[in-house]
Amino acid sequence: MKRYAYLVFTQPASGLDAEYNRWYSEQHLGDVLRVPGFVSAQRFNLTQGDGPAPAPYLAVYEFESDDVNRTLSSLAERAGTPDMPLSPALDLATVKTFVYEVIGDRKTR
């Protein structure tokens, strides 16, 4: 089974930062981890960069799959349902997603 990183760049709707961060951290990460194949989730907040970023927030999910499209379809089918409610604090128009296949082992010191 291959491993993948699913990168999701997002930002809150105007004036809804606190609600967005509460929903994302307390609910959404867990909802995604209930999708078969997803094994980890972590959020990041942009602090600096060399150019414009797609959005100020990044969530990195790891998943394992023999069929990437099936796994992502399963995720998409849940979005906006009771299994994965979407908050109005999320600015859906700005969401950007990318999937990367893992090509090497994670190195740590």
C-alpha atoms as a PDB file:
ATOM      1  CA  MET A   1       0.000   0.000   0.000  1.00  0.00           C
ATOM      2  CA  LYS A   2       1.362   3.423  -0.924  1.00  0.00           C
ATOM      3  CA  ARG A   3       1.569   6.349   1.486  1.00  0.00           C
ATOM      4  CA  TYR A   4       0.562   9.911   0.696  1.00  0.00           C
ATOM      5  CA  ALA A   5       0.586  13.391   2.176  1.00  0.00           C
ATOM      6  CA  TYR A   6      -2.571  15.416   1.608  1.00  0.00           C
ATOM      7  CA  LEU A   7      -1.887  19.146   2.008  1.00  0.00           C
ATOM      8  CA  VAL A   8      -4.862  21.431   2.571  1.00  0.00           C
ATOM      9  CA  PHE A   9      -4.385  25.211   2.577  1.00  0.00           C
ATOM     10  CA  THR A  10      -7.247  27.179   4.153  1.00  0.00           C
ATOM     11  CA  GLN A  11      -8.224  30.453   5.724  1.00  0.00           C
ATOM     12  CA  PRO A  12     -11.083  31.622   7.913  1.00  0.00           C
ATOM     13  CA  ALA A  13     -14.000  33.666   6.655  1.00  0.00           C
ATOM     14  CA  SER A  14     -13.603  37.328   7.518  1.00  0.00           C
ATOM     15  CA  GLY A  15     -13.869  37.969  11.248  1.00  0.00           C
ATOM     16  CA  LEU A  16     -14.376  34.296  12.163  1.00  0.00           C
ATOM     17  CA  ASP A  17     -10.814  33.306  13.100  1.00  0.00           C
ATOM     18  CA  ALA A  18     -11.598  31.950  16.578  1.00  0.00           C
ATOM     19  CA  GLU A  19     -14.561  29.870  15.394  1.00  0.00           C
ATOM     20  CA  TYR A  20     -12.551  28.587  12.412  1.00  0.00           C
ATOM     21  CA  ASN A  21      -9.618  27.477  14.605  1.00  0.00           C
ATOM     22  CA  ARG A  22     -11.905  25.866  17.199  1.00  0.00           C
ATOM     23  CA  TRP A  23     -13.862  23.936  14.547  1.00  0.00           C
ATOM     24  CA  TYR A  24     -10.757  22.863  12.614  1.00  0.00           C
ATOM     25  CA  SER A  25      -8.766  21.659  15.623  1.00  0.00           C
ATOM     26  CA  GLU A  26     -11.568  20.264  17.771  1.00  0.00           C
ATOM     27  CA  GLN A  27     -13.829  18.727  15.128  1.00  0.00           C
ATOM     28  CA  HIS A  28     -12.562  18.638  11.568  1.00  0.00           C
ATOM     29  CA  LEU A  29      -9.235  16.866  12.096  1.00  0.00           C
ATOM     30  CA  GLY A  30     -11.034  14.022  13.886  1.00  0.00           C
ATOM     31  CA  ASP A  31     -13.703  13.822  11.174  1.00  0.00           C
ATOM     32  CA  VAL A  32     -11.019  13.404   8.514  1.00  0.00           C
ATOM     33  CA  LEU A  33      -9.185  10.769  10.557  1.00  0.00           C
ATOM     34  CA  ARG A  34     -12.359   8.650  10.549  1.00  0.00           C
ATOM     35  CA  VAL A  35     -12.118   8.324   6.744  1.00  0.00           C
ATOM     36  CA  PRO A  36     -10.637   4.900   5.915  1.00  0.00           C
ATOM     37  CA  GLY A  37      -6.942   5.197   5.061  1.00  0.00           C
ATOM     38  CA  PHE A  38      -6.230   8.453   6.905  1.00  0.00           C
ATOM     39  CA  VAL A  39      -3.705   7.872   9.675  1.00  0.00           C
ATOM     40  CA  SER A  40      -2.494  11.296  10.879  1.00  0.00           C
ATOM     41  CA  ALA A  41      -3.360  14.988  10.862  1.00  0.00           C
ATOM     42  CA  GLN A  42      -1.499  18.117  11.920  1.00  0.00           C
ATOM     43  CA  ARG A  43      -2.153  21.844  11.513  1.00  0.00           C
ATOM     44  CA  PHE A  44       0.277  24.685  10.841  1.00  0.00           C
ATOM     45  CA  ASN A  45       0.051  28.482  10.852  1.00  0.00           C
ATOM     46  CA  LEU A  46       2.241  30.429   8.416  1.00  0.00           C
ATOM     47  CA  THR A  47       4.872  32.526  10.155  1.00  0.00           C
ATOM     48  CA  GLN A  48       7.193  33.480   7.291  1.00  0.00           C
ATOM     49  CA  GLY A  49       8.037  32.686   3.679  1.00  0.00           C
ATOM     50  CA  ASP A  50       9.862  33.689   0.526  1.00  0.00           C
ATOM     51  CA  GLY A  51       6.721  34.494  -1.445  1.00  0.00           C
ATOM     52  CA  PRO A  52       2.958  34.421  -1.334  1.00  0.00           C
ATOM     53  CA  ALA A  53       1.488  31.316   0.282  1.00  0.00           C
ATOM     54  CA  PRO A  54      -1.798  29.775  -0.895  1.00  0.00           C
ATOM     55  CA  ALA A  55      -3.332  30.517   2.548  1.00  0.00           C
ATOM     56  CA  PRO A  56      -2.240  31.263   6.113  1.00  0.00           C
ATOM     57  CA  TYR A  57      -3.183  27.816   7.456  1.00  0.00           C
ATOM     58  CA  LEU A  58      -1.994  24.379   6.377  1.00  0.00           C
ATOM     59  CA  ALA A  59      -3.243  20.962   7.439  1.00  0.00           C
ATOM     60  CA  VAL A  60      -1.077  17.971   6.555  1.00  0.00           C
ATOM     61  CA  TYR A  61      -2.822  14.612   6.550  1.00  0.00           C
ATOM     62  CA  GLU A  62      -1.146  11.292   5.908  1.00  0.00           C
ATOM     63  CA  PHE A  63      -3.057   8.442   4.350  1.00  0.00           C
ATOM     64  CA  GLU A  64      -2.393   4.985   2.967  1.00  0.00           C
ATOM     65  CA  SER A  65      -4.170   3.706  -0.117  1.00  0.00           C
ATOM     66  CA  ASP A  66      -4.028   1.400  -3.105  1.00  0.00           C
ATOM     67  CA  ASP A  67      -6.481   3.741  -4.875  1.00  0.00           C
ATOM     68  CA  VAL A  68      -5.901   7.463  -4.271  1.00  0.00           C
ATOM     69  CA  ASN A  69      -9.014   8.510  -6.165  1.00  0.00           C
ATOM     70  CA  ARG A  70     -11.236   6.175  -4.141  1.00  0.00           C
ATOM     71  CA  THR A  71      -9.788   7.469  -0.859  1.00  0.00           C
ATOM     72  CA  LEU A  72     -10.244  11.103  -1.866  1.00  0.00           C
ATOM     73  CA  SER A  73     -13.773  10.360  -3.138  1.00  0.00           C
ATOM     74  CA  SER A  74     -14.627   8.847   0.231  1.00  0.00           C
ATOM     75  CA  LEU A  75     -13.364  12.021   1.880  1.00  0.00           C
ATOM     76  CA  ALA A  76     -15.327  14.270  -0.505  1.00  0.00           C
ATOM     77  CA  GLU A  77     -18.540  12.247  -0.040  1.00  0.00           C
ATOM     78  CA  ARG A  78     -18.460  12.979   3.698  1.00  0.00           C
ATOM     79  CA  ALA A  79     -17.781  16.722   3.394  1.00  0.00           C
ATOM     80  CA  GLY A  80     -20.840  18.729   4.377  1.00  0.00           C
ATOM     81  CA  THR A  81     -22.676  15.730   5.868  1.00  0.00           C
ATOM     82  CA  PRO A  82     -23.296  14.885   9.538  1.00  0.00           C
ATOM     83  CA  ASP A  83     -20.119  12.738   9.342  1.00  0.00           C
ATOM     84  CA  MET A  84     -18.061  15.813   8.408  1.00  0.00           C
ATOM     85  CA  PRO A  85     -19.893  19.098   8.962  1.00  0.00           C
ATOM     86  CA  LEU A  86     -18.246  22.127   7.413  1.00  0.00           C
ATOM     87  CA  SER A  87     -18.162  25.339   9.398  1.00  0.00           C
ATOM     88  CA  PRO A  88     -19.330  28.637   7.889  1.00  0.00           C
ATOM     89  CA  ALA A  89     -16.115  30.003   9.440  1.00  0.00           C
ATOM     90  CA  LEU A  90     -14.146  28.221   6.677  1.00  0.00           C
ATOM     91  CA  ASP A  91     -13.689  30.304   3.524  1.00  0.00           C
ATOM     92  CA  LEU A  92     -14.426  27.511   1.015  1.00  0.00           C
ATOM     93  CA  ALA A  93     -13.577  29.694  -1.995  1.00  0.00           C
ATOM     94  CA  THR A  94      -9.906  29.809  -0.973  1.00  0.00           C
ATOM     95  CA  VAL A  95      -9.285  26.127  -0.160  1.00  0.00           C
ATOM     96  CA  LYS A  96      -6.382  24.582  -2.098  1.00  0.00           C
ATOM     97  CA  THR A  97      -5.437  20.889  -1.884  1.00  0.00           C
ATOM     98  CA  PHE A  98      -2.450  18.863  -3.064  1.00  0.00           C
ATOM     99  CA  VAL A  99      -1.576  15.168  -2.835  1.00  0.00           C
ATOM    100  CA  TYR A 100       2.030  13.997  -2.697  1.00  0.00           C
ATOM    101  CA  GLU A 101       3.173  10.387  -2.814  1.00  0.00           C
ATOM    102  CA  VAL A 102       5.744   9.506  -0.160  1.00  0.00           C
ATOM    103  CA  ILE A 103       9.010   8.561  -1.902  1.00  0.00           C
ATOM    104  CA  GLY A 104      11.298   8.102   1.093  1.00  0.00           C
ATOM    105  CA  ASP A 105      11.322   7.335   4.758  1.00  0.00           C
ATOM    106  CA  ARG A 106      10.853  10.068   7.342  1.00  0.00           C
ATOM    107  CA  LYS A 107      14.211  11.020   8.839  1.00  0.00           C
ATOM    108  CA  THR A 108      14.578  12.140  12.424  1.00  0.00           C
ATOM    109  CA  ARG A 109      17.599  12.856  14.567  1.00  0.00           C
END
